[in-house]
């Protein structure tokens, strides 16, 4: 299943059920490399049954069923367990941040000017989509913005290295699929 078909299936499933957050942890990174872990708790059996094979691969946190995900999203417009950990990180100029997706789903780690919605409208709640995430094409398929240093694709099990700006700066990052997954990177 292609990523676009997967995202399209997520949209359809959420629309069918719904009809239409962030945990706070502040961490300071020491010399060398800081780390942000990308987490979700998708249950492979129920997510793959609803969205197609490969939508969720087995991983350590696979305990939220697809119906439970939809119910929690409908109630809270976010789902616990889908997060960047930590969601706030102080780093030194010139340092690097290691990203590690330990969840079972595909995510993005995208720098945005302000937090907002992503490319899947039904998962945005009342938030306007961020242009940094991409757009929906004429056929209704999500088209992610070009991937690069500020917009990183993070398939399940993947790792990446993010360079930190050489000057003091605060940067905002979110997942363009699950927009409640947010992180603040502060360079000092």
C-alpha atoms as a PDB file:
ATOM      1  CA  UNK A   1       0.000   0.000   0.000  1.00  0.00           C
ATOM      2  CA  UNK A   2       1.449   3.367  -0.946  1.00  0.00           C
ATOM      3  CA  UNK A   3       1.736   6.113   1.670  1.00  0.00           C
ATOM      4  CA  UNK A   4      -0.846   8.173  -0.203  1.00  0.00           C
ATOM      5  CA  UNK A   5      -3.336   5.282  -0.235  1.00  0.00           C
ATOM      6  CA  UNK A   6      -2.665   4.715   3.485  1.00  0.00           C
ATOM      7  CA  UNK A   7      -3.330   8.375   4.299  1.00  0.00           C
ATOM      8  CA  UNK A   8      -6.424   8.326   2.097  1.00  0.00           C
ATOM      9  CA  UNK A   9      -7.676   5.246   3.979  1.00  0.00           C
ATOM     10  CA  UNK A  10      -7.090   6.998   7.316  1.00  0.00           C
ATOM     11  CA  UNK A  11      -9.150   9.957   6.099  1.00  0.00           C
ATOM     12  CA  UNK A  12     -12.015   7.745   4.985  1.00  0.00           C
ATOM     13  CA  UNK A  13     -12.048   5.733   8.208  1.00  0.00           C
ATOM     14  CA  UNK A  14     -11.950   8.787  10.457  1.00  0.00           C
ATOM     15  CA  UNK A  15     -14.690  10.495   8.416  1.00  0.00           C
ATOM     16  CA  UNK A  16     -16.873   7.418   8.660  1.00  0.00           C
ATOM     17  CA  UNK A  17     -16.609   7.214  12.435  1.00  0.00           C
ATOM     18  CA  UNK A  18     -16.183  10.872  13.480  1.00  0.00           C
ATOM     19  CA  UNK A  19     -18.130  12.811  10.911  1.00  0.00           C
ATOM     20  CA  UNK A  20     -16.010  15.486  10.809  1.00  0.00           C
ATOM     21  CA  UNK A  21      -2.704  18.144  23.160  1.00  0.00           C
ATOM     22  CA  UNK A  22       0.202  17.682  23.960  1.00  0.00           C
ATOM     23  CA  UNK A  23       1.907  16.164  27.019  1.00  0.00           C
ATOM     24  CA  UNK A  24       4.333  18.557  28.657  1.00  0.00           C
ATOM     25  CA  UNK A  25       7.895  17.465  29.299  1.00  0.00           C
ATOM     26  CA  UNK A  26      10.814  19.879  29.247  1.00  0.00           C
ATOM     27  CA  UNK A  27      14.301  18.456  28.754  1.00  0.00           C
ATOM     28  CA  UNK A  28      17.725  19.964  28.408  1.00  0.00           C
ATOM     29  CA  UNK A  29      20.250  18.195  26.195  1.00  0.00           C
ATOM     30  CA  UNK A  30      23.882  17.924  27.206  1.00  0.00           C
ATOM     31  CA  UNK A  31      26.913  17.942  24.907  1.00  0.00           C
ATOM     32  CA  UNK A  32      26.791  15.826  21.770  1.00  0.00           C
ATOM     33  CA  UNK A  33      23.519  14.546  20.439  1.00  0.00           C
ATOM     34  CA  UNK A  34      20.043  15.146  21.874  1.00  0.00           C
ATOM     35  CA  UNK A  35      17.184  12.737  21.191  1.00  0.00           C
ATOM     36  CA  UNK A  36      13.473  12.973  20.390  1.00  0.00           C
ATOM     37  CA  UNK A  37      11.514   9.731  20.286  1.00  0.00           C
ATOM     38  CA  UNK A  38       8.451   9.521  18.059  1.00  0.00           C
ATOM     39  CA  UNK A  39       5.796   7.330  19.633  1.00  0.00           C
ATOM     40  CA  UNK A  40       2.400   5.879  18.872  1.00  0.00           C
ATOM     41  CA  UNK A  41       0.447   2.949  20.252  1.00  0.00           C
ATOM     42  CA  UNK A  42      -1.279   1.569  17.154  1.00  0.00           C
ATOM     43  CA  UNK A  43      -2.448  -2.035  17.410  1.00  0.00           C
ATOM     44  CA  UNK A  44      -1.265  -3.720  14.179  1.00  0.00           C
ATOM     45  CA  UNK A  45      -4.197  -6.142  13.851  1.00  0.00           C
ATOM     46  CA  UNK A  46      -6.967  -3.545  14.075  1.00  0.00           C
ATOM     47  CA  UNK A  47      -5.167  -0.694  12.263  1.00  0.00           C
ATOM     48  CA  UNK A  48      -4.187  -2.974   9.374  1.00  0.00           C
ATOM     49  CA  UNK A  49      -7.710  -4.427   9.188  1.00  0.00           C
ATOM     50  CA  UNK A  50      -9.154  -0.895   8.927  1.00  0.00           C
ATOM     51  CA  UNK A  51      -6.453   0.823   6.842  1.00  0.00           C
ATOM     52  CA  UNK A  52      -4.741  -1.966   4.940  1.00  0.00           C
ATOM     53  CA  UNK A  53      -1.584  -4.045   5.349  1.00  0.00           C
ATOM     54  CA  UNK A  54       1.430  -2.132   6.608  1.00  0.00           C
ATOM     55  CA  UNK A  55      -0.519   0.778   8.127  1.00  0.00           C
ATOM     56  CA  UNK A  56       0.880  -0.251  11.517  1.00  0.00           C
ATOM     57  CA  UNK A  57       3.851  -2.554  12.059  1.00  0.00           C
ATOM     58  CA  UNK A  58       4.417  -4.459  15.325  1.00  0.00           C
ATOM     59  CA  UNK A  59       6.241  -2.395  17.970  1.00  0.00           C
ATOM     60  CA  UNK A  60       6.595  -2.122  21.743  1.00  0.00           C
ATOM     61  CA  UNK A  61       3.626   0.226  22.276  1.00  0.00           C
ATOM     62  CA  UNK A  62       1.000  -1.558  20.165  1.00  0.00           C
ATOM     63  CA  UNK A  63      -1.971  -1.487  22.534  1.00  0.00           C
ATOM     64  CA  UNK A  64      -4.517   1.029  21.150  1.00  0.00           C
ATOM     65  CA  UNK A  65      -7.073  -0.505  18.808  1.00  0.00           C
ATOM     66  CA  UNK A  66      -8.274   1.446  15.791  1.00  0.00           C
ATOM     67  CA  UNK A  67     -11.828   1.817  17.225  1.00  0.00           C
ATOM     68  CA  UNK A  68     -10.336   3.124  20.514  1.00  0.00           C
ATOM     69  CA  UNK A  69      -8.124   5.555  18.544  1.00  0.00           C
ATOM     70  CA  UNK A  70     -11.163   6.909  16.679  1.00  0.00           C
ATOM     71  CA  UNK A  71     -13.254   7.198  19.847  1.00  0.00           C
ATOM     72  CA  UNK A  72     -10.515   9.080  21.723  1.00  0.00           C
ATOM     73  CA  UNK A  73      -9.849  11.364  18.735  1.00  0.00           C
ATOM     74  CA  UNK A  74     -13.563  12.136  18.392  1.00  0.00           C
ATOM     75  CA  UNK A  75     -13.743  13.005  22.100  1.00  0.00           C
ATOM     76  CA  UNK A  76     -10.415  14.875  22.560  1.00  0.00           C
ATOM     77  CA  UNK A  77      -9.193  15.817  19.025  1.00  0.00           C
ATOM     78  CA  UNK A  78      -5.916  14.131  20.016  1.00  0.00           C
ATOM     79  CA  UNK A  79      -4.886  10.629  21.085  1.00  0.00           C
ATOM     80  CA  UNK A  80      -2.650   9.893  24.073  1.00  0.00           C
ATOM     81  CA  UNK A  81       0.418   7.898  23.168  1.00  0.00           C
ATOM     82  CA  UNK A  82       0.848   9.607  19.780  1.00  0.00           C
ATOM     83  CA  UNK A  83       3.591  12.060  20.750  1.00  0.00           C
ATOM     84  CA  UNK A  84       7.096  13.453  20.405  1.00  0.00           C
ATOM     85  CA  UNK A  85       9.053  12.700  23.593  1.00  0.00           C
ATOM     86  CA  UNK A  86      10.174  15.098  24.894  1.00  0.00           C
ATOM     87  CA  UNK A  87       7.883  17.752  23.492  1.00  0.00           C
ATOM     88  CA  UNK A  88      10.220  20.565  24.564  1.00  0.00           C
ATOM     89  CA  UNK A  89      13.997  20.369  24.240  1.00  0.00           C
ATOM     90  CA  UNK A  90      16.789  22.862  24.971  1.00  0.00           C
ATOM     91  CA  UNK A  91      19.856  22.282  22.788  1.00  0.00           C
ATOM     92  CA  UNK A  92      23.150  24.025  22.197  1.00  0.00           C
ATOM     93  CA  UNK A  93      23.983  25.700  18.908  1.00  0.00           C
ATOM     94  CA  UNK A  94      25.760  23.285  16.580  1.00  0.00           C
ATOM     95  CA  UNK A  95      24.461  20.188  18.351  1.00  0.00           C
ATOM     96  CA  UNK A  96      22.395  17.558  16.526  1.00  0.00           C
ATOM     97  CA  UNK A  97      19.096  15.946  17.474  1.00  0.00           C
ATOM     98  CA  UNK A  98      18.580  12.258  16.773  1.00  0.00           C
ATOM     99  CA  UNK A  99      15.006  11.396  15.835  1.00  0.00           C
ATOM    100  CA  UNK A 100      13.829   7.815  16.354  1.00  0.00           C
ATOM    101  CA  UNK A 101      10.376   6.531  15.381  1.00  0.00           C
ATOM    102  CA  UNK A 102       9.641   3.764  17.877  1.00  0.00           C
ATOM    103  CA  UNK A 103       5.962   3.604  16.943  1.00  0.00           C
ATOM    104  CA  UNK A 104       4.277   1.471  14.340  1.00  0.00           C
ATOM    105  CA  UNK A 105       3.017   4.204  11.993  1.00  0.00           C
ATOM    106  CA  UNK A 106       4.510   6.616   9.476  1.00  0.00           C
ATOM    107  CA  UNK A 107       4.956  10.162  10.884  1.00  0.00           C
ATOM    108  CA  UNK A 108       6.622  13.391   9.811  1.00  0.00           C
ATOM    109  CA  UNK A 109       8.811  15.748  11.842  1.00  0.00           C
ATOM    110  CA  UNK A 110       8.064  19.055  10.141  1.00  0.00           C
ATOM    111  CA  UNK A 111       9.243  22.556  11.077  1.00  0.00           C
ATOM    112  CA  UNK A 112       6.299  24.988  11.076  1.00  0.00           C
ATOM    113  CA  UNK A 113       5.971  28.737  11.691  1.00  0.00           C
ATOM    114  CA  UNK A 114       3.012  28.057  14.011  1.00  0.00           C
ATOM    115  CA  UNK A 115       1.261  24.897  15.121  1.00  0.00           C
ATOM    116  CA  UNK A 116      -1.820  23.965  13.104  1.00  0.00           C
ATOM    117  CA  UNK A 117      -3.407  21.242  11.035  1.00  0.00           C
ATOM    118  CA  UNK A 118      -1.733  18.736   8.766  1.00  0.00           C
ATOM    119  CA  UNK A 119      -2.507  17.141   5.401  1.00  0.00           C
ATOM    120  CA  UNK A 120      -5.395  14.978   6.655  1.00  0.00           C
ATOM    121  CA  UNK A 121      -8.269  17.381   7.198  1.00  0.00           C
ATOM    122  CA  UNK A 122     -10.346  15.105   9.416  1.00  0.00           C
ATOM    123  CA  UNK A 123      -7.466  14.846  11.905  1.00  0.00           C
ATOM    124  CA  UNK A 124      -7.062  18.636  12.144  1.00  0.00           C
ATOM    125  CA  UNK A 125     -10.053  19.358  14.377  1.00  0.00           C
ATOM    126  CA  UNK A 126     -10.568  23.128  14.163  1.00  0.00           C
ATOM    127  CA  UNK A 127      -6.951  23.889  13.208  1.00  0.00           C
ATOM    128  CA  UNK A 128      -6.183  25.384   9.807  1.00  0.00           C
ATOM    129  CA  UNK A 129      -3.717  23.273   7.765  1.00  0.00           C
ATOM    130  CA  UNK A 130      -0.090  24.396   7.871  1.00  0.00           C
ATOM    131  CA  UNK A 131       1.319  25.202   4.414  1.00  0.00           C
ATOM    132  CA  UNK A 132       4.618  23.605   5.476  1.00  0.00           C
ATOM    133  CA  UNK A 133       2.872  20.219   5.545  1.00  0.00           C
ATOM    134  CA  UNK A 134       1.645  20.175   1.937  1.00  0.00           C
ATOM    135  CA  UNK A 135      -1.836  20.037   0.462  1.00  0.00           C
ATOM    136  CA  UNK A 136      -4.597  17.796  -0.888  1.00  0.00           C
ATOM    137  CA  UNK A 137      -4.519  17.255  -4.667  1.00  0.00           C
ATOM    138  CA  UNK A 138      -7.517  17.341  -7.041  1.00  0.00           C
ATOM    139  CA  UNK A 139      -8.172  13.625  -6.435  1.00  0.00           C
ATOM    140  CA  UNK A 140      -8.256  14.110  -2.650  1.00  0.00           C
ATOM    141  CA  UNK A 141      -4.822  12.573  -1.998  1.00  0.00           C
ATOM    142  CA  UNK A 142      -2.452  14.237   0.481  1.00  0.00           C
ATOM    143  CA  UNK A 143       0.678  15.647  -1.144  1.00  0.00           C
ATOM    144  CA  UNK A 144       3.375  16.222   1.445  1.00  0.00           C
ATOM    145  CA  UNK A 145       5.657  19.235   1.130  1.00  0.00           C
ATOM    146  CA  UNK A 146       9.108  18.311  -0.214  1.00  0.00           C
ATOM    147  CA  UNK A 147      11.028  16.379   2.416  1.00  0.00           C
ATOM    148  CA  UNK A 148      14.322  17.849   3.583  1.00  0.00           C
ATOM    149  CA  UNK A 149      16.037  19.179   6.739  1.00  0.00           C
ATOM    150  CA  UNK A 150      12.882  20.963   7.969  1.00  0.00           C
ATOM    151  CA  UNK A 151      10.393  18.295   6.880  1.00  0.00           C
ATOM    152  CA  UNK A 152      11.546  14.780   7.644  1.00  0.00           C
ATOM    153  CA  UNK A 153       9.639  11.585   6.756  1.00  0.00           C
ATOM    154  CA  UNK A 154       9.757   9.143   9.667  1.00  0.00           C
ATOM    155  CA  UNK A 155       8.591   5.645   8.702  1.00  0.00           C
ATOM    156  CA  UNK A 156       8.112   3.172  11.555  1.00  0.00           C
ATOM    157  CA  UNK A 157      11.481   2.054  12.929  1.00  0.00           C
ATOM    158  CA  UNK A 158      13.435   4.822  11.188  1.00  0.00           C
ATOM    159  CA  UNK A 159      15.994   7.243  12.594  1.00  0.00           C
ATOM    160  CA  UNK A 160      17.249  10.597  11.318  1.00  0.00           C
ATOM    161  CA  UNK A 161      19.596  13.354  12.416  1.00  0.00           C
ATOM    162  CA  UNK A 162      18.409  16.941  12.611  1.00  0.00           C
ATOM    163  CA  UNK A 163      21.042  19.710  12.634  1.00  0.00           C
ATOM    164  CA  UNK A 164      20.517  22.442  15.223  1.00  0.00           C
ATOM    165  CA  UNK A 165      20.794  26.101  14.126  1.00  0.00           C
ATOM    166  CA  UNK A 166      24.115  27.787  14.882  1.00  0.00           C
ATOM    167  CA  UNK A 167      22.341  30.800  16.436  1.00  0.00           C
ATOM    168  CA  UNK A 168      19.841  30.982  19.313  1.00  0.00           C
ATOM    169  CA  UNK A 169      16.362  30.277  17.995  1.00  0.00           C
ATOM    170  CA  UNK A 170      13.082  28.590  18.910  1.00  0.00           C
ATOM    171  CA  UNK A 171      11.685  26.181  16.308  1.00  0.00           C
ATOM    172  CA  UNK A 172       8.311  24.439  16.239  1.00  0.00           C
ATOM    173  CA  UNK A 173       7.835  20.931  14.823  1.00  0.00           C
ATOM    174  CA  UNK A 174       4.726  18.828  14.293  1.00  0.00           C
ATOM    175  CA  UNK A 175       3.613  15.643  12.592  1.00  0.00           C
ATOM    176  CA  UNK A 176       1.754  16.505   9.382  1.00  0.00           C
ATOM    177  CA  UNK A 177      -0.428  13.410   9.754  1.00  0.00           C
ATOM    178  CA  UNK A 178      -1.213  13.595  13.491  1.00  0.00           C
ATOM    179  CA  UNK A 179      -0.968  17.376  14.127  1.00  0.00           C
ATOM    180  CA  UNK A 180      -1.357  17.134  17.913  1.00  0.00           C
ATOM    181  CA  UNK A 181       2.142  15.585  17.918  1.00  0.00           C
ATOM    182  CA  UNK A 182       4.201  18.730  18.544  1.00  0.00           C
ATOM    183  CA  UNK A 183       7.668  19.680  19.813  1.00  0.00           C
ATOM    184  CA  UNK A 184       9.471  22.927  20.638  1.00  0.00           C
ATOM    185  CA  UNK A 185      13.246  23.010  20.034  1.00  0.00           C
ATOM    186  CA  UNK A 186      15.049  25.879  21.779  1.00  0.00           C
ATOM    187  CA  UNK A 187      18.620  26.607  20.726  1.00  0.00           C
ATOM    188  CA  UNK A 188      20.696  28.550  23.250  1.00  0.00           C
END
